[in-house]
Amino acid sequence: MNEFALTARRGPLVFNWDPPRRRSFVLGGFIFASIAAHLAGFYIFQVVYPPTIALLPPPARLNVISASSEQGRSLLRWVEAEDPALASMTRRPPDAKAYALPKLEHVPSYFATEPALKEAPPLVVDLRIPSAEPPGMVPVTRRQPPKPAGLVATSVIFSGDLQQFGPAKFPSANFKRSSHEPPQNARYQIAVDRNGAVCYCFMLNSSGDTLLDEQARNYLVLCRFAPKAETTAEALVWGIAAIEWGNDAAGAGVKPTPTIP
């Protein structure tokens, strides 16, 4: 029994078990040929001969909102109504004037302050020519010069270490300067013993006049202090003596004259 007889007896099969047919390459050949033709045309017209006409971009457009059209006026009215600055500001009523003055009652100034009346001119006018000479001399007040100061004597100031002896006794002063320049204050370092006598005297600051420095040194050496009663006191007490010059020190051959300090 052959295969066809078995198939007819059993009936049709669910799957087709026939051998496959040979595929046709005609359709694939046409598709490949079409692609090759398109590539050749693109190469010829786009690469070899590119187009000379280039399309420019569209120009920019600017829309201006103006009141020339009804649509523009509507948009401007809407912007005005939605503006927060205009909504928050105080507006004048349309019937009000631009510069409305307040209603105030005028009060004259003479109601508050009474004006001073001027004197009426005389009824009889003097028509005589005035005199060329003045009626009198103008009083001249002259400032009186200040009175000259009196004679200021030269003083000596001792430091605290020497003030324990009490006030000192000085000899008569007769200072003479070698120049007319005012001297500077001089300072000396002195040593005083238990009996109150000056044993040593050294100059620290000069007065600027050598003759006056020597006179001041002799003046300090000749001064005497009160003796100290303590037996345990030091043999010598050192201190500073400052001489403040007055106007009693005159120049050489010149009498001292009182001057303003």
C-alpha atoms as a PDB file:
ATOM      1  CA  MET A   1       0.000   0.000   0.000  1.00  0.00           C
ATOM      2  CA  ASN A   2       1.441   3.340  -1.036  1.00  0.00           C
ATOM      3  CA  GLU A   3       1.455   6.710   0.650  1.00  0.00           C
ATOM      4  CA  PHE A   4      -1.489   8.183  -1.263  1.00  0.00           C
ATOM      5  CA  ALA A   5      -3.670   5.267  -0.226  1.00  0.00           C
ATOM      6  CA  LEU A   6      -2.809   5.771   3.420  1.00  0.00           C
ATOM      7  CA  THR A   7      -3.587   9.477   3.177  1.00  0.00           C
ATOM      8  CA  ALA A   8      -6.947   8.868   1.583  1.00  0.00           C
ATOM      9  CA  ARG A   9      -7.852   6.311   4.219  1.00  0.00           C
ATOM     10  CA  ARG A  10      -6.782   8.430   7.235  1.00  0.00           C
ATOM     11  CA  GLY A  11      -8.109  11.750   5.972  1.00  0.00           C
ATOM     12  CA  PRO A  12      -6.304  15.191   5.598  1.00  0.00           C
ATOM     13  CA  LEU A  13      -3.378  15.925   7.919  1.00  0.00           C
ATOM     14  CA  VAL A  14      -3.262  18.893  10.263  1.00  0.00           C
ATOM     15  CA  PHE A  15       0.141  20.165   9.016  1.00  0.00           C
ATOM     16  CA  ASN A  16       1.247  20.436   5.422  1.00  0.00           C
ATOM     17  CA  TRP A  17       4.089  18.067   4.990  1.00  0.00           C
ATOM     18  CA  ASP A  18       4.740  18.846   1.306  1.00  0.00           C
ATOM     19  CA  PRO A  19       8.334  19.663   0.414  1.00  0.00           C
ATOM     20  CA  PRO A  20       8.962  23.465   0.244  1.00  0.00           C
ATOM     21  CA  ARG A  21       9.085  25.173  -3.124  1.00  0.00           C
ATOM     22  CA  ARG A  22      12.067  27.071  -4.416  1.00  0.00           C
ATOM     23  CA  ARG A  23      12.104  30.759  -3.497  1.00  0.00           C
ATOM     24  CA  SER A  24      11.984  33.349  -6.269  1.00  0.00           C
ATOM     25  CA  PHE A  25      14.744  35.995  -6.220  1.00  0.00           C
ATOM     26  CA  VAL A  26      13.019  38.313  -8.681  1.00  0.00           C
ATOM     27  CA  LEU A  27      11.372  40.506  -6.059  1.00  0.00           C
ATOM     28  CA  GLY A  28      14.608  40.855  -4.128  1.00  0.00           C
ATOM     29  CA  GLY A  29      16.435  41.802  -7.315  1.00  0.00           C
ATOM     30  CA  PHE A  30      13.938  44.603  -8.065  1.00  0.00           C
ATOM     31  CA  ILE A  31      14.215  46.010  -4.512  1.00  0.00           C
ATOM     32  CA  PHE A  32      18.015  46.033  -4.676  1.00  0.00           C
ATOM     33  CA  ALA A  33      17.964  47.673  -8.103  1.00  0.00           C
ATOM     34  CA  SER A  34      15.584  50.409  -6.809  1.00  0.00           C
ATOM     35  CA  ILE A  35      17.842  51.168  -3.844  1.00  0.00           C
ATOM     36  CA  ALA A  36      20.900  51.351  -6.092  1.00  0.00           C
ATOM     37  CA  ALA A  37      19.106  53.747  -8.470  1.00  0.00           C
ATOM     38  CA  HIS A  38      18.071  56.028  -5.602  1.00  0.00           C
ATOM     39  CA  LEU A  39      21.616  56.141  -4.230  1.00  0.00           C
ATOM     40  CA  ALA A  40      23.035  56.952  -7.650  1.00  0.00           C
ATOM     41  CA  GLY A  41      20.523  59.762  -8.175  1.00  0.00           C
ATOM     42  CA  PHE A  42      21.221  61.231  -4.704  1.00  0.00           C
ATOM     43  CA  TYR A  43      24.966  61.157  -5.394  1.00  0.00           C
ATOM     44  CA  ILE A  44      24.614  62.813  -8.795  1.00  0.00           C
ATOM     45  CA  PHE A  45      22.155  65.590  -7.864  1.00  0.00           C
ATOM     46  CA  GLN A  46      23.248  66.328  -4.274  1.00  0.00           C
ATOM     47  CA  VAL A  47      27.013  65.727  -4.283  1.00  0.00           C
ATOM     48  CA  VAL A  48      28.199  66.183  -7.857  1.00  0.00           C
ATOM     49  CA  TYR A  49      25.694  68.931  -8.792  1.00  0.00           C
ATOM     50  CA  PRO A  50      24.489  70.560  -5.521  1.00  0.00           C
ATOM     51  CA  PRO A  51      21.531  72.929  -5.780  1.00  0.00           C
ATOM     52  CA  THR A  52      22.512  76.597  -6.252  1.00  0.00           C
ATOM     53  CA  ILE A  53      19.359  78.047  -4.704  1.00  0.00           C
ATOM     54  CA  ALA A  54      19.395  78.198  -0.904  1.00  0.00           C
ATOM     55  CA  LEU A  55      16.245  78.949   1.011  1.00  0.00           C
ATOM     56  CA  LEU A  56      16.699  81.826   3.478  1.00  0.00           C
ATOM     57  CA  PRO A  57      15.167  81.646   6.948  1.00  0.00           C
ATOM     58  CA  PRO A  58      11.922  83.529   7.324  1.00  0.00           C
ATOM     59  CA  PRO A  59      12.412  87.142   8.515  1.00  0.00           C
ATOM     60  CA  ALA A  60      11.679  88.038  12.126  1.00  0.00           C
ATOM     61  CA  ARG A  61       8.329  89.581  12.767  1.00  0.00           C
ATOM     62  CA  LEU A  62       7.548  92.260  15.332  1.00  0.00           C
ATOM     63  CA  ASN A  63       3.993  92.933  16.322  1.00  0.00           C
ATOM     64  CA  VAL A  64       3.313  96.434  17.708  1.00  0.00           C
ATOM     65  CA  ILE A  65       0.203  96.977  19.752  1.00  0.00           C
ATOM     66  CA  SER A  66      -1.328 100.276  18.724  1.00  0.00           C
ATOM     67  CA  ALA A  67      -4.695 101.923  19.142  1.00  0.00           C
ATOM     68  CA  SER A  68      -5.300 102.047  15.397  1.00  0.00           C
ATOM     69  CA  SER A  69      -7.306  98.802  15.428  1.00  0.00           C
ATOM     70  CA  GLU A  70     -10.157  97.615  17.603  1.00  0.00           C
ATOM     71  CA  GLN A  71      -8.208  94.526  18.631  1.00  0.00           C
ATOM     72  CA  GLY A  72      -5.248  96.666  19.769  1.00  0.00           C
ATOM     73  CA  ARG A  73      -7.500  99.035  21.728  1.00  0.00           C
ATOM     74  CA  SER A  74      -9.157  96.108  23.503  1.00  0.00           C
ATOM     75  CA  LEU A  75      -5.771  94.661  24.450  1.00  0.00           C
ATOM     76  CA  LEU A  76      -4.517  98.027  25.748  1.00  0.00           C
ATOM     77  CA  ARG A  77      -7.672  98.485  27.848  1.00  0.00           C
ATOM     78  CA  TRP A  78      -7.167  95.035  29.338  1.00  0.00           C
ATOM     79  CA  VAL A  79      -3.494  95.824  30.203  1.00  0.00           C
ATOM     80  CA  GLU A  80      -4.584  99.085  31.828  1.00  0.00           C
ATOM     81  CA  ALA A  81      -7.239  97.365  33.892  1.00  0.00           C
ATOM     82  CA  GLU A  82      -4.860  94.625  35.080  1.00  0.00           C
ATOM     83  CA  ASP A  83      -1.953  96.966  35.986  1.00  0.00           C
ATOM     84  CA  PRO A  84      -1.377  96.687  39.800  1.00  0.00           C
ATOM     85  CA  ALA A  85       0.284 100.123  39.990  1.00  0.00           C
ATOM     86  CA  LEU A  86      -2.800 101.828  38.558  1.00  0.00           C
ATOM     87  CA  ALA A  87      -5.118  99.774  40.735  1.00  0.00           C
ATOM     88  CA  SER A  88      -3.314 100.798  43.953  1.00  0.00           C
ATOM     89  CA  MET A  89      -2.864 104.489  43.188  1.00  0.00           C
ATOM     90  CA  THR A  90      -5.258 107.244  44.184  1.00  0.00           C
ATOM     91  CA  ARG A  91      -6.999 108.834  41.236  1.00  0.00           C
ATOM     92  CA  ARG A  92      -8.625 112.182  41.050  1.00  0.00           C
ATOM     93  CA  PRO A  93     -12.226 112.328  40.002  1.00  0.00           C
ATOM     94  CA  PRO A  94     -12.586 113.264  36.342  1.00  0.00           C
ATOM     95  CA  ASP A  95     -14.464 116.492  37.168  1.00  0.00           C
ATOM     96  CA  ALA A  96     -11.753 117.750  39.564  1.00  0.00           C
ATOM     97  CA  LYS A  97      -9.320 120.477  38.498  1.00  0.00           C
ATOM     98  CA  ALA A  98      -5.622 119.856  38.172  1.00  0.00           C
ATOM     99  CA  TYR A  99      -4.668 122.523  40.734  1.00  0.00           C
ATOM    100  CA  ALA A 100      -7.601 123.025  43.080  1.00  0.00           C
ATOM    101  CA  LEU A 101      -6.829 125.503  45.854  1.00  0.00           C
ATOM    102  CA  PRO A 102      -8.383 124.929  49.289  1.00  0.00           C
ATOM    103  CA  LYS A 103     -11.128 127.235  50.362  1.00  0.00           C
ATOM    104  CA  LEU A 104      -9.492 129.391  53.057  1.00  0.00           C
ATOM    105  CA  GLU A 105     -10.623 132.684  54.444  1.00  0.00           C
ATOM    106  CA  HIS A 106      -8.132 135.498  53.929  1.00  0.00           C
ATOM    107  CA  VAL A 107      -6.990 137.029  57.220  1.00  0.00           C
ATOM    108  CA  PRO A 108      -5.125 140.351  56.823  1.00  0.00           C
ATOM    109  CA  SER A 109      -1.809 140.684  58.661  1.00  0.00           C
ATOM    110  CA  TYR A 110      -2.819 143.907  60.405  1.00  0.00           C
ATOM    111  CA  PHE A 111      -5.523 142.023  62.328  1.00  0.00           C
ATOM    112  CA  ALA A 112      -2.874 140.148  64.306  1.00  0.00           C
ATOM    113  CA  THR A 113      -0.180 142.863  64.594  1.00  0.00           C
ATOM    114  CA  GLU A 114      -0.988 146.542  64.605  1.00  0.00           C
ATOM    115  CA  PRO A 115       1.388 148.385  62.273  1.00  0.00           C
ATOM    116  CA  ALA A 116       3.472 151.237  63.661  1.00  0.00           C
ATOM    117  CA  LEU A 117       2.430 154.574  62.236  1.00  0.00           C
ATOM    118  CA  LYS A 118       5.073 156.872  60.860  1.00  0.00           C
ATOM    119  CA  GLU A 119       5.371 160.443  62.052  1.00  0.00           C
ATOM    120  CA  ALA A 120       3.915 163.016  59.756  1.00  0.00           C
ATOM    121  CA  PRO A 121       6.368 165.439  58.167  1.00  0.00           C
ATOM    122  CA  PRO A 122       6.501 168.941  59.683  1.00  0.00           C
ATOM    123  CA  LEU A 123       4.189 171.521  58.230  1.00  0.00           C
ATOM    124  CA  VAL A 124       6.972 174.133  58.008  1.00  0.00           C
ATOM    125  CA  VAL A 125       9.957 172.878  56.012  1.00  0.00           C
ATOM    126  CA  ASP A 126      13.403 174.382  56.680  1.00  0.00           C
ATOM    127  CA  LEU A 127      14.708 175.444  53.269  1.00  0.00           C
ATOM    128  CA  ARG A 128      18.030 176.857  54.490  1.00  0.00           C
ATOM    129  CA  ILE A 129      21.294 175.580  53.052  1.00  0.00           C
ATOM    130  CA  PRO A 130      23.021 173.263  55.514  1.00  0.00           C
ATOM    131  CA  SER A 131      26.326 174.418  56.964  1.00  0.00           C
ATOM    132  CA  ALA A 132      29.527 173.012  55.460  1.00  0.00           C
ATOM    133  CA  GLU A 133      31.195 172.871  58.877  1.00  0.00           C
ATOM    134  CA  PRO A 134      30.307 170.023  61.227  1.00  0.00           C
ATOM    135  CA  PRO A 135      28.418 170.955  64.395  1.00  0.00           C
ATOM    136  CA  GLY A 136      31.175 169.628  66.654  1.00  0.00           C
ATOM    137  CA  MET A 137      34.188 167.378  66.976  1.00  0.00           C
ATOM    138  CA  VAL A 138      33.691 163.662  67.102  1.00  0.00           C
ATOM    139  CA  PRO A 139      34.873 162.377  70.497  1.00  0.00           C
ATOM    140  CA  VAL A 140      37.820 160.006  70.144  1.00  0.00           C
ATOM    141  CA  THR A 141      38.273 157.411  72.854  1.00  0.00           C
ATOM    142  CA  ARG A 142      41.791 156.096  73.098  1.00  0.00           C
ATOM    143  CA  ARG A 143      42.640 152.883  74.843  1.00  0.00           C
ATOM    144  CA  GLN A 144      44.875 153.391  77.815  1.00  0.00           C
ATOM    145  CA  PRO A 145      48.081 151.358  77.717  1.00  0.00           C
ATOM    146  CA  PRO A 146      48.309 148.650  80.369  1.00  0.00           C
ATOM    147  CA  LYS A 147      50.279 149.453  83.418  1.00  0.00           C
ATOM    148  CA  PRO A 148      53.727 147.851  83.510  1.00  0.00           C
ATOM    149  CA  ALA A 149      54.155 144.997  85.892  1.00  0.00           C
ATOM    150  CA  GLY A 150      56.206 145.493  88.991  1.00  0.00           C
ATOM    151  CA  LEU A 151      59.606 144.073  89.692  1.00  0.00           C
ATOM    152  CA  VAL A 152      59.518 140.259  89.674  1.00  0.00           C
ATOM    153  CA  ALA A 153      62.273 138.741  91.767  1.00  0.00           C
ATOM    154  CA  THR A 154      64.126 135.578  90.873  1.00  0.00           C
ATOM    155  CA  SER A 155      62.827 132.537  92.804  1.00  0.00           C
ATOM    156  CA  VAL A 156      64.344 129.165  93.667  1.00  0.00           C
ATOM    157  CA  ILE A 157      62.275 125.963  93.917  1.00  0.00           C
ATOM    158  CA  PHE A 158      63.728 122.948  95.737  1.00  0.00           C
ATOM    159  CA  SER A 159      62.791 119.296  95.262  1.00  0.00           C
ATOM    160  CA  GLY A 160      61.003 117.228  97.905  1.00  0.00           C
ATOM    161  CA  ASP A 161      64.188 115.856  99.451  1.00  0.00           C
ATOM    162  CA  LEU A 162      65.369 119.356 100.374  1.00  0.00           C
ATOM    163  CA  GLN A 163      62.018 120.616 101.622  1.00  0.00           C
ATOM    164  CA  GLN A 164      62.543 118.705 104.878  1.00  0.00           C
ATOM    165  CA  PHE A 165      65.015 121.425 105.948  1.00  0.00           C
ATOM    166  CA  GLY A 166      62.334 124.100 105.722  1.00  0.00           C
ATOM    167  CA  PRO A 167      62.678 127.495 103.996  1.00  0.00           C
ATOM    168  CA  ALA A 168      66.188 128.553 103.016  1.00  0.00           C
ATOM    169  CA  LYS A 169      67.872 131.892 103.684  1.00  0.00           C
ATOM    170  CA  PHE A 170      69.361 133.470 100.564  1.00  0.00           C
ATOM    171  CA  PRO A 171      71.933 136.256 100.304  1.00  0.00           C
ATOM    172  CA  SER A 172      71.178 139.523  98.557  1.00  0.00           C
ATOM    173  CA  ALA A 173      70.748 138.952  94.827  1.00  0.00           C
ATOM    174  CA  ASN A 174      72.506 141.149  92.284  1.00  0.00           C
ATOM    175  CA  PHE A 175      72.342 139.297  88.983  1.00  0.00           C
ATOM    176  CA  LYS A 176      73.933 140.776  85.860  1.00  0.00           C
ATOM    177  CA  ARG A 177      73.441 139.398  82.392  1.00  0.00           C
ATOM    178  CA  SER A 178      76.051 139.491  79.662  1.00  0.00           C
ATOM    179  CA  SER A 179      73.388 139.912  76.906  1.00  0.00           C
ATOM    180  CA  HIS A 180      69.951 141.395  76.526  1.00  0.00           C
ATOM    181  CA  GLU A 181      68.348 138.021  75.673  1.00  0.00           C
ATOM    182  CA  PRO A 182      65.978 136.689  78.363  1.00  0.00           C
ATOM    183  CA  PRO A 183      67.587 133.769  80.244  1.00  0.00           C
ATOM    184  CA  GLN A 184      66.114 130.293  80.505  1.00  0.00           C
ATOM    185  CA  ASN A 185      65.345 128.524  83.759  1.00  0.00           C
ATOM    186  CA  ALA A 186      68.407 126.791  85.197  1.00  0.00           C
ATOM    187  CA  ARG A 187      68.589 123.578  87.245  1.00  0.00           C
ATOM    188  CA  TYR A 188      71.325 122.587  89.717  1.00  0.00           C
ATOM    189  CA  GLN A 189      71.942 119.503  91.804  1.00  0.00           C
ATOM    190  CA  ILE A 190      73.047 120.417  95.337  1.00  0.00           C
ATOM    191  CA  ALA A 191      74.053 118.507  98.464  1.00  0.00           C
ATOM    192  CA  VAL A 192      73.132 119.817 101.952  1.00  0.00           C
ATOM    193  CA  ASP A 193      74.807 118.587 105.154  1.00  0.00           C
ATOM    194  CA  ARG A 194      73.302 118.239 108.621  1.00  0.00           C
ATOM    195  CA  ASN A 195      74.087 121.848 109.522  1.00  0.00           C
ATOM    196  CA  GLY A 196      72.090 123.161 106.525  1.00  0.00           C
ATOM    197  CA  ALA A 197      75.076 124.319 104.473  1.00  0.00           C
ATOM    198  CA  VAL A 198      75.390 123.598 100.750  1.00  0.00           C
ATOM    199  CA  CYS A 199      78.485 121.463 100.216  1.00  0.00           C
ATOM    200  CA  TYR A 200      78.244 120.625  96.519  1.00  0.00           C
ATOM    201  CA  CYS A 201      76.524 122.318  93.576  1.00  0.00           C
ATOM    202  CA  PHE A 202      76.515 120.946  90.010  1.00  0.00           C
ATOM    203  CA  MET A 203      74.764 122.529  87.029  1.00  0.00           C
ATOM    204  CA  LEU A 204      72.231 120.351  85.141  1.00  0.00           C
ATOM    205  CA  ASN A 205      70.561 122.854  82.769  1.00  0.00           C
ATOM    206  CA  SER A 206      72.154 126.116  81.699  1.00  0.00           C
ATOM    207  CA  SER A 207      70.319 129.425  81.399  1.00  0.00           C
ATOM    208  CA  GLY A 208      72.123 130.249  78.155  1.00  0.00           C
ATOM    209  CA  ASP A 209      74.317 132.871  79.794  1.00  0.00           C
ATOM    210  CA  THR A 210      77.681 131.757  81.252  1.00  0.00           C
ATOM    211  CA  LEU A 211      78.024 134.812  83.504  1.00  0.00           C
ATOM    212  CA  LEU A 212      74.522 134.316  84.875  1.00  0.00           C
ATOM    213  CA  ASP A 213      75.138 130.574  85.470  1.00  0.00           C
ATOM    214  CA  GLU A 214      78.175 131.335  87.620  1.00  0.00           C
ATOM    215  CA  GLN A 215      76.243 133.955  89.616  1.00  0.00           C
ATOM    216  CA  ALA A 216      73.387 131.513  90.177  1.00  0.00           C
ATOM    217  CA  ARG A 217      75.818 128.828  91.388  1.00  0.00           C
ATOM    218  CA  ASN A 218      77.387 131.214  93.907  1.00  0.00           C
ATOM    219  CA  TYR A 219      73.869 132.291  94.961  1.00  0.00           C
ATOM    220  CA  LEU A 220      72.924 128.674  95.783  1.00  0.00           C
ATOM    221  CA  VAL A 221      76.210 127.898  97.539  1.00  0.00           C
ATOM    222  CA  LEU A 222      75.765 130.874  99.902  1.00  0.00           C
ATOM    223  CA  CYS A 223      72.190 129.955 100.888  1.00  0.00           C
ATOM    224  CA  ARG A 224      71.623 128.247 104.267  1.00  0.00           C
ATOM    225  CA  PHE A 225      68.999 125.836 105.622  1.00  0.00           C
ATOM    226  CA  ALA A 226      67.964 125.158 109.188  1.00  0.00           C
ATOM    227  CA  PRO A 227      70.091 122.394 110.797  1.00  0.00           C
ATOM    228  CA  LYS A 228      68.531 119.000 111.428  1.00  0.00           C
ATOM    229  CA  ALA A 229      68.171 117.799 115.054  1.00  0.00           C
ATOM    230  CA  GLU A 230      68.251 114.065 114.284  1.00  0.00           C
ATOM    231  CA  THR A 231      71.600 112.461 114.989  1.00  0.00           C
ATOM    232  CA  THR A 232      70.793 109.486 112.751  1.00  0.00           C
ATOM    233  CA  ALA A 233      70.281 111.673 109.715  1.00  0.00           C
ATOM    234  CA  GLU A 234      72.331 111.154 106.583  1.00  0.00           C
ATOM    235  CA  ALA A 235      75.566 113.054 106.171  1.00  0.00           C
ATOM    236  CA  LEU A 236      74.462 114.667 102.872  1.00  0.00           C
ATOM    237  CA  VAL A 237      71.026 115.113 101.342  1.00  0.00           C
ATOM    238  CA  TRP A 238      70.951 115.522  97.562  1.00  0.00           C
ATOM    239  CA  GLY A 239      68.235 117.395  95.707  1.00  0.00           C
ATOM    240  CA  ILE A 240      67.387 119.581  92.727  1.00  0.00           C
ATOM    241  CA  ALA A 241      67.198 123.382  92.805  1.00  0.00           C
ATOM    242  CA  ALA A 242      65.387 125.086  89.917  1.00  0.00           C
ATOM    243  CA  ILE A 243      65.925 128.821  89.383  1.00  0.00           C
ATOM    244  CA  GLU A 244      63.087 130.751  87.731  1.00  0.00           C
ATOM    245  CA  TRP A 245      64.455 134.071  86.535  1.00  0.00           C
ATOM    246  CA  GLY A 246      62.561 137.277  87.055  1.00  0.00           C
ATOM    247  CA  ASN A 247      63.097 140.724  85.578  1.00  0.00           C
ATOM    248  CA  ASP A 248      65.584 141.733  88.299  1.00  0.00           C
ATOM    249  CA  ALA A 249      68.489 140.333  86.252  1.00  0.00           C
ATOM    250  CA  ALA A 250      69.573 143.292  84.112  1.00  0.00           C
ATOM    251  CA  GLY A 251      72.069 143.416  81.295  1.00  0.00           C
ATOM    252  CA  ALA A 252      75.684 144.377  81.868  1.00  0.00           C
ATOM    253  CA  GLY A 253      75.852 148.125  82.578  1.00  0.00           C
ATOM    254  CA  VAL A 254      72.036 148.477  82.398  1.00  0.00           C
ATOM    255  CA  LYS A 255      69.751 149.134  85.329  1.00  0.00           C
ATOM    256  CA  PRO A 256      66.900 146.651  85.772  1.00  0.00           C
ATOM    257  CA  THR A 257      63.634 148.102  84.477  1.00  0.00           C
ATOM    258  CA  PRO A 258      60.214 146.589  85.135  1.00  0.00           C
ATOM    259  CA  THR A 259      58.787 144.908  82.040  1.00  0.00           C
ATOM    260  CA  ILE A 260      55.668 142.963  81.217  1.00  0.00           C
ATOM    261  CA  PRO A 261      56.165 139.269  82.069  1.00  0.00           C
END
